[in-house]
């Protein structure tokens, strides 16, 4: 993949990473690994909340963050 990215950049293309996973995770390593700056990474943005169910058991709830309108 890195060879493809180098080829594309050498031929005038701007490269991005589009990931199905968390953009925060991918952005943390995209520049060092692929030479793609964090601002050129698109992915899922989630928020995690911690709470307790009616049965008293703890849970983590992940919800998609929505873009401001």
PDB file of N, CA and C in Angstrom:
ATOM      1  N   UNK A   1       0.820  -1.178   0.000  1.00  0.00           N
ATOM      2  CA  UNK A   1       0.000   0.000   0.000  1.00  0.00           C
ATOM      3  C   UNK A   1       0.875   1.257   0.000  1.00  0.00           C
ATOM      4  N   UNK A   2       1.964   1.220   0.723  1.00  0.00           N
ATOM      5  CA  UNK A   2       2.823   2.395   0.772  1.00  0.00           C
ATOM      6  C   UNK A   2       3.417   2.706  -0.597  1.00  0.00           C
ATOM      7  N   UNK A   3       3.693   1.664  -1.386  1.00  0.00           N
ATOM      8  CA  UNK A   3       4.192   1.893  -2.744  1.00  0.00           C
ATOM      9  C   UNK A   3       3.139   2.597  -3.592  1.00  0.00           C
ATOM     10  N   UNK A   4       1.896   2.197  -3.454  1.00  0.00           N
ATOM     11  CA  UNK A   4       0.802   2.832  -4.203  1.00  0.00           C
ATOM     12  C   UNK A   4       0.666   4.294  -3.784  1.00  0.00           C
ATOM     13  N   UNK A   5       0.705   4.563  -2.484  1.00  0.00           N
ATOM     14  CA  UNK A   5       0.603   5.937  -2.003  1.00  0.00           C
ATOM     15  C   UNK A   5       1.744   6.796  -2.535  1.00  0.00           C
ATOM     16  N   UNK A   6       2.967   6.273  -2.520  1.00  0.00           N
ATOM     17  CA  UNK A   6       4.116   7.025  -3.049  1.00  0.00           C
ATOM     18  C   UNK A   6       3.936   7.302  -4.541  1.00  0.00           C
ATOM     19  N   UNK A   7       3.464   6.313  -5.284  1.00  0.00           N
ATOM     20  CA  UNK A   7       3.240   6.466  -6.721  1.00  0.00           C
ATOM     21  C   UNK A   7       2.200   7.554  -6.988  1.00  0.00           C
ATOM     22  N   UNK A   8       1.104   7.504  -6.273  1.00  0.00           N
ATOM     23  CA  UNK A   8       0.046   8.491  -6.471  1.00  0.00           C
ATOM     24  C   UNK A   8       0.540   9.903  -6.168  1.00  0.00           C
ATOM     25  N   UNK A   9       1.248  10.062  -5.054  1.00  0.00           N
ATOM     26  CA  UNK A   9       1.760  11.392  -4.693  1.00  0.00           C
ATOM     27  C   UNK A   9       2.764  11.898  -5.720  1.00  0.00           C
ATOM     28  N   UNK A  10       3.620  10.990  -6.212  1.00  0.00           N
ATOM     29  CA  UNK A  10       4.619  11.377  -7.213  1.00  0.00           C
ATOM     30  C   UNK A  10       3.963  11.829  -8.515  1.00  0.00           C
ATOM     31  N   UNK A  11       2.729  11.409  -8.736  1.00  0.00           N
ATOM     32  CA  UNK A  11       2.014  11.772  -9.953  1.00  0.00           C
ATOM     33  C   UNK A  11       0.929  12.820  -9.713  1.00  0.00           C
ATOM     34  N   UNK A  12       1.081  13.590  -8.625  1.00  0.00           N
ATOM     35  CA  UNK A  12       0.233  14.743  -8.393  1.00  0.00           C
ATOM     36  C   UNK A  12      -1.069  14.506  -7.663  1.00  0.00           C
ATOM     37  N   UNK A  13      -1.298  13.306  -7.167  1.00  0.00           N
ATOM     38  CA  UNK A  13      -2.538  13.028  -6.441  1.00  0.00           C
ATOM     39  C   UNK A  13      -2.370  13.333  -4.962  1.00  0.00           C
ATOM     40  N   UNK A  14      -3.449  13.764  -4.343  1.00  0.00           N
ATOM     41  CA  UNK A  14      -3.492  13.976  -2.894  1.00  0.00           C
ATOM     42  C   UNK A  14      -4.143  12.730  -2.299  1.00  0.00           C
ATOM     43  N   UNK A  15      -3.512  12.144  -1.317  1.00  0.00           N
ATOM     44  CA  UNK A  15      -4.011  10.879  -0.759  1.00  0.00           C
ATOM     45  C   UNK A  15      -4.755  11.104   0.551  1.00  0.00           C
ATOM     46  N   UNK A  16      -5.753  10.285   0.767  1.00  0.00           N
ATOM     47  CA  UNK A  16      -6.568  10.303   1.977  1.00  0.00           C
ATOM     48  C   UNK A  16      -6.736   8.870   2.462  1.00  0.00           C
ATOM     49  N   UNK A  17      -7.113   8.714   3.711  1.00  0.00           N
ATOM     50  CA  UNK A  17      -7.489   7.409   4.247  1.00  0.00           C
ATOM     51  C   UNK A  17      -8.948   7.508   4.666  1.00  0.00           C
ATOM     52  N   UNK A  18      -9.748   6.576   4.184  1.00  0.00           N
ATOM     53  CA  UNK A  18     -11.143   6.471   4.597  1.00  0.00           C
ATOM     54  C   UNK A  18     -11.272   5.131   5.311  1.00  0.00           C
ATOM     55  N   UNK A  19     -11.615   5.184   6.590  1.00  0.00           N
ATOM     56  CA  UNK A  19     -11.647   3.972   7.407  1.00  0.00           C
ATOM     57  C   UNK A  19     -13.031   3.775   8.016  1.00  0.00           C
ATOM     58  N   UNK A  20     -13.403   2.543   8.185  1.00  0.00           N
ATOM     59  CA  UNK A  20     -14.658   2.232   8.848  1.00  0.00           C
ATOM     60  C   UNK A  20     -14.540   2.297  10.359  1.00  0.00           C
ATOM     61  N   UNK A  21     -13.312   2.301  10.838  1.00  0.00           N
ATOM     62  CA  UNK A  21     -13.087   2.347  12.280  1.00  0.00           C
ATOM     63  C   UNK A  21     -13.028   3.771  12.801  1.00  0.00           C
ATOM     64  N   UNK A  22     -12.591   3.895  14.013  1.00  0.00           N
ATOM     65  CA  UNK A  22     -12.512   5.184  14.693  1.00  0.00           C
ATOM     66  C   UNK A  22     -11.470   6.089  14.043  1.00  0.00           C
ATOM     67  N   UNK A  23     -11.877   7.300  13.677  1.00  0.00           N
ATOM     68  CA  UNK A  23     -10.934   8.232  13.065  1.00  0.00           C
ATOM     69  C   UNK A  23      -9.845   8.635  14.051  1.00  0.00           C
ATOM     70  N   UNK A  24     -10.159   8.697  15.323  1.00  0.00           N
ATOM     71  CA  UNK A  24      -9.144   9.072  16.319  1.00  0.00           C
ATOM     72  C   UNK A  24      -8.016   8.054  16.352  1.00  0.00           C
ATOM     73  N   UNK A  25      -8.355   6.772  16.261  1.00  0.00           N
ATOM     74  CA  UNK A  25      -7.339   5.717  16.277  1.00  0.00           C
ATOM     75  C   UNK A  25      -6.467   5.791  15.025  1.00  0.00           C
ATOM     76  N   UNK A  26      -7.085   5.935  13.868  1.00  0.00           N
ATOM     77  CA  UNK A  26      -6.337   5.953  12.612  1.00  0.00           C
ATOM     78  C   UNK A  26      -5.494   7.226  12.500  1.00  0.00           C
ATOM     79  N   UNK A  27      -6.048   8.355  12.914  1.00  0.00           N
ATOM     80  CA  UNK A  27      -5.309   9.612  12.830  1.00  0.00           C
ATOM     81  C   UNK A  27      -4.034   9.600  13.666  1.00  0.00           C
ATOM     82  N   UNK A  28      -4.047   8.852  14.752  1.00  0.00           N
ATOM     83  CA  UNK A  28      -2.879   8.811  15.639  1.00  0.00           C
ATOM     84  C   UNK A  28      -1.654   8.215  14.959  1.00  0.00           C
ATOM     85  N   UNK A  29      -1.855   7.356  13.968  1.00  0.00           N
ATOM     86  CA  UNK A  29      -0.709   6.689  13.345  1.00  0.00           C
ATOM     87  C   UNK A  29      -0.609   6.905  11.841  1.00  0.00           C
ATOM     88  N   UNK A  30      -1.548   7.601  11.229  1.00  0.00           N
ATOM     89  CA  UNK A  30      -1.571   7.706   9.769  1.00  0.00           C
ATOM     90  C   UNK A  30      -0.367   8.443   9.185  1.00  0.00           C
ATOM     91  N   UNK A  31       0.088   9.476   9.845  1.00  0.00           N
ATOM     92  CA  UNK A  31       1.209  10.248   9.307  1.00  0.00           C
ATOM     93  C   UNK A  31       2.501   9.448   9.360  1.00  0.00           C
ATOM     94  N   UNK A  32       2.797   8.857  10.508  1.00  0.00           N
ATOM     95  CA  UNK A  32       4.041   8.088  10.654  1.00  0.00           C
ATOM     96  C   UNK A  32       4.027   6.820   9.799  1.00  0.00           C
ATOM     97  N   UNK A  33       2.879   6.189   9.677  1.00  0.00           N
ATOM     98  CA  UNK A  33       2.810   4.912   8.965  1.00  0.00           C
ATOM     99  C   UNK A  33       2.666   5.085   7.456  1.00  0.00           C
ATOM    100  N   UNK A  34       1.771   5.987   7.037  1.00  0.00           N
ATOM    101  CA  UNK A  34       1.448   6.109   5.613  1.00  0.00           C
ATOM    102  C   UNK A  34       1.811   7.458   4.999  1.00  0.00           C
ATOM    103  N   UNK A  35       2.262   8.413   5.814  1.00  0.00           N
ATOM    104  CA  UNK A  35       2.553   9.733   5.296  1.00  0.00           C
ATOM    105  C   UNK A  35       1.303  10.542   4.993  1.00  0.00           C
ATOM    106  N   UNK A  36       0.183  10.150   5.577  1.00  0.00           N
ATOM    107  CA  UNK A  36      -1.082  10.859   5.386  1.00  0.00           C
ATOM    108  C   UNK A  36      -1.354  11.655   6.662  1.00  0.00           C
ATOM    109  N   UNK A  37      -1.407  12.991   6.556  1.00  0.00           N
ATOM    110  CA  UNK A  37      -1.638  13.803   7.755  1.00  0.00           C
ATOM    111  C   UNK A  37      -3.023  13.556   8.356  1.00  0.00           C
ATOM    112  N   UNK A  38      -3.172  13.760   9.656  1.00  0.00           N
ATOM    113  CA  UNK A  38      -4.444  13.491  10.332  1.00  0.00           C
ATOM    114  C   UNK A  38      -5.645  14.194   9.711  1.00  0.00           C
ATOM    115  N   UNK A  39      -5.442  15.372   9.134  1.00  0.00           N
ATOM    116  CA  UNK A  39      -6.542  16.097   8.516  1.00  0.00           C
ATOM    117  C   UNK A  39      -7.079  15.451   7.249  1.00  0.00           C
ATOM    118  N   UNK A  40      -6.366  14.446   6.740  1.00  0.00           N
ATOM    119  CA  UNK A  40      -6.787  13.742   5.531  1.00  0.00           C
ATOM    120  C   UNK A  40      -7.261  12.329   5.852  1.00  0.00           C
ATOM    121  N   UNK A  41      -7.722  12.138   7.073  1.00  0.00           N
ATOM    122  CA  UNK A  41      -8.261  10.851   7.500  1.00  0.00           C
ATOM    123  C   UNK A  41      -9.738  11.019   7.810  1.00  0.00           C
ATOM    124  N   UNK A  42     -10.561  10.185   7.204  1.00  0.00           N
ATOM    125  CA  UNK A  42     -11.999  10.174   7.462  1.00  0.00           C
ATOM    126  C   UNK A  42     -12.349   8.841   8.089  1.00  0.00           C
ATOM    127  N   UNK A  43     -13.190   8.883   9.104  1.00  0.00           N
ATOM    128  CA  UNK A  43     -13.612   7.650   9.761  1.00  0.00           C
ATOM    129  C   UNK A  43     -14.801   7.910  10.658  1.00  0.00           C
ATOM    130  N   UNK A  44     -15.145   6.910  11.399  1.00  0.00           N
ATOM    131  CA  UNK A  44     -16.278   7.020  12.313  1.00  0.00           C
ATOM    132  C   UNK A  44     -15.885   7.851  13.529  1.00  0.00           C
ATOM    133  N   UNK A  45     -16.819   8.647  13.990  1.00  0.00           N
ATOM    134  CA  UNK A  45     -16.606   9.426  15.212  1.00  0.00           C
ATOM    135  C   UNK A  45     -17.672   8.981  16.211  1.00  0.00           C
ATOM    136  N   UNK A  46     -17.225   8.419  17.308  1.00  0.00           N
ATOM    137  CA  UNK A  46     -18.156   7.904  18.315  1.00  0.00           C
ATOM    138  C   UNK A  46     -17.870   8.526  19.674  1.00  0.00           C
ATOM    139  N   UNK A  47     -18.894   8.544  20.486  1.00  0.00           N
ATOM    140  CA  UNK A  47     -18.709   8.930  21.879  1.00  0.00           C
ATOM    141  C   UNK A  47     -19.085   7.723  22.730  1.00  0.00           C
ATOM    142  N   UNK A  48     -18.404   7.571  23.824  1.00  0.00           N
ATOM    143  CA  UNK A  48     -18.659   6.438  24.706  1.00  0.00           C
ATOM    144  C   UNK A  48     -19.135   6.960  26.058  1.00  0.00           C
ATOM    145  N   UNK A  49     -20.222   6.386  26.543  1.00  0.00           N
ATOM    146  CA  UNK A  49     -20.716   6.747  27.873  1.00  0.00           C
ATOM    147  C   UNK A  49     -20.742   5.499  28.739  1.00  0.00           C
ATOM    148  N   UNK A  50     -20.527   5.712  30.003  1.00  0.00           N
ATOM    149  CA  UNK A  50     -20.514   4.636  30.980  1.00  0.00           C
ATOM    150  C   UNK A  50     -21.741   4.794  31.855  1.00  0.00           C
ATOM    151  N   UNK A  51     -22.422   3.703  32.105  1.00  0.00           N
ATOM    152  CA  UNK A  51     -23.601   3.786  32.958  1.00  0.00           C
ATOM    153  C   UNK A  51     -23.929   2.449  33.592  1.00  0.00           C
ATOM    154  N   UNK A  52     -25.069   2.409  34.262  1.00  0.00           N
ATOM    155  CA  UNK A  52     -25.535   1.184  34.918  1.00  0.00           C
ATOM    156  C   UNK A  52     -26.923   0.845  34.387  1.00  0.00           C
ATOM    157  N   UNK A  53     -27.138  -0.439  34.107  1.00  0.00           N
ATOM    158  CA  UNK A  53     -28.443  -0.888  33.665  1.00  0.00           C
ATOM    159  C   UNK A  53     -29.405  -1.007  34.832  1.00  0.00           C
ATOM    160  N   UNK A  54     -30.656  -1.313  34.519  1.00  0.00           N
ATOM    161  CA  UNK A  54     -31.672  -1.472  35.568  1.00  0.00           C
ATOM    162  C   UNK A  54     -31.322  -2.605  36.524  1.00  0.00           C
ATOM    163  N   UNK A  55     -30.528  -3.561  36.029  1.00  0.00           N
ATOM    164  CA  UNK A  55     -30.109  -4.684  36.875  1.00  0.00           C
ATOM    165  C   UNK A  55     -28.883  -4.353  37.722  1.00  0.00           C
ATOM    166  N   UNK A  56     -28.377  -3.122  37.581  1.00  0.00           N
ATOM    167  CA  UNK A  56     -27.223  -2.696  38.373  1.00  0.00           C
ATOM    168  C   UNK A  56     -25.881  -3.016  37.746  1.00  0.00           C
ATOM    169  N   UNK A  57     -25.872  -3.687  36.609  1.00  0.00           N
ATOM    170  CA  UNK A  57     -24.613  -4.040  35.951  1.00  0.00           C
ATOM    171  C   UNK A  57     -24.112  -2.853  35.119  1.00  0.00           C
ATOM    172  N   UNK A  58     -22.793  -2.620  35.169  1.00  0.00           N
ATOM    173  CA  UNK A  58     -22.238  -1.508  34.395  1.00  0.00           C
ATOM    174  C   UNK A  58     -22.233  -1.836  32.896  1.00  0.00           C
ATOM    175  N   UNK A  59     -22.279  -0.782  32.075  1.00  0.00           N
ATOM    176  CA  UNK A  59     -22.207  -0.978  30.624  1.00  0.00           C
ATOM    177  C   UNK A  59     -21.529   0.222  29.975  1.00  0.00           C
ATOM    178  N   UNK A  60     -21.001  -0.007  28.795  1.00  0.00           N
ATOM    179  CA  UNK A  60     -20.460   1.053  27.951  1.00  0.00           C
ATOM    180  C   UNK A  60     -21.390   1.188  26.761  1.00  0.00           C
ATOM    181  N   UNK A  61     -21.723   2.406  26.403  1.00  0.00           N
ATOM    182  CA  UNK A  61     -22.601   2.644  25.268  1.00  0.00           C
ATOM    183  C   UNK A  61     -21.873   3.542  24.282  1.00  0.00           C
ATOM    184  N   UNK A  62     -21.735   3.058  23.055  1.00  0.00           N
ATOM    185  CA  UNK A  62     -21.095   3.853  22.011  1.00  0.00           C
ATOM    186  C   UNK A  62     -22.163   4.385  21.081  1.00  0.00           C
ATOM    187  N   UNK A  63     -22.095   5.656  20.797  1.00  0.00           N
ATOM    188  CA  UNK A  63     -23.042   6.285  19.892  1.00  0.00           C
ATOM    189  C   UNK A  63     -22.288   7.145  18.890  1.00  0.00           C
ATOM    190  N   UNK A  64     -22.786   7.193  17.673  1.00  0.00           N
ATOM    191  CA  UNK A  64     -22.153   8.014  16.641  1.00  0.00           C
ATOM    192  C   UNK A  64     -22.299   9.485  16.975  1.00  0.00           C
ATOM    193  N   UNK A  65     -21.226  10.224  16.774  1.00  0.00           N
ATOM    194  CA  UNK A  65     -21.288  11.674  16.937  1.00  0.00           C
ATOM    195  C   UNK A  65     -21.883  12.230  15.646  1.00  0.00           C
ATOM    196  N   UNK A  66     -22.738  13.202  15.781  1.00  0.00           N
ATOM    197  CA  UNK A  66     -23.319  13.813  14.597  1.00  0.00           C
ATOM    198  C   UNK A  66     -22.630  15.146  14.322  1.00  0.00           C
ATOM    199  N   UNK A  67     -22.533  15.462  13.049  1.00  0.00           N
ATOM    200  CA  UNK A  67     -21.907  16.725  12.656  1.00  0.00           C
ATOM    201  C   UNK A  67     -22.837  17.882  12.983  1.00  0.00           C
ATOM    202  N   UNK A  68     -22.287  19.014  13.374  1.00  0.00           N
ATOM    203  CA  UNK A  68     -23.118  20.187  13.631  1.00  0.00           C
ATOM    204  C   UNK A  68     -23.862  20.597  12.370  1.00  0.00           C
ATOM    205  N   UNK A  69     -25.090  20.993  12.521  1.00  0.00           N
ATOM    206  CA  UNK A  69     -25.909  21.403  11.371  1.00  0.00           C
ATOM    207  C   UNK A  69     -25.712  22.858  11.073  1.00  0.00           C
TER     208      UNK A  69
END
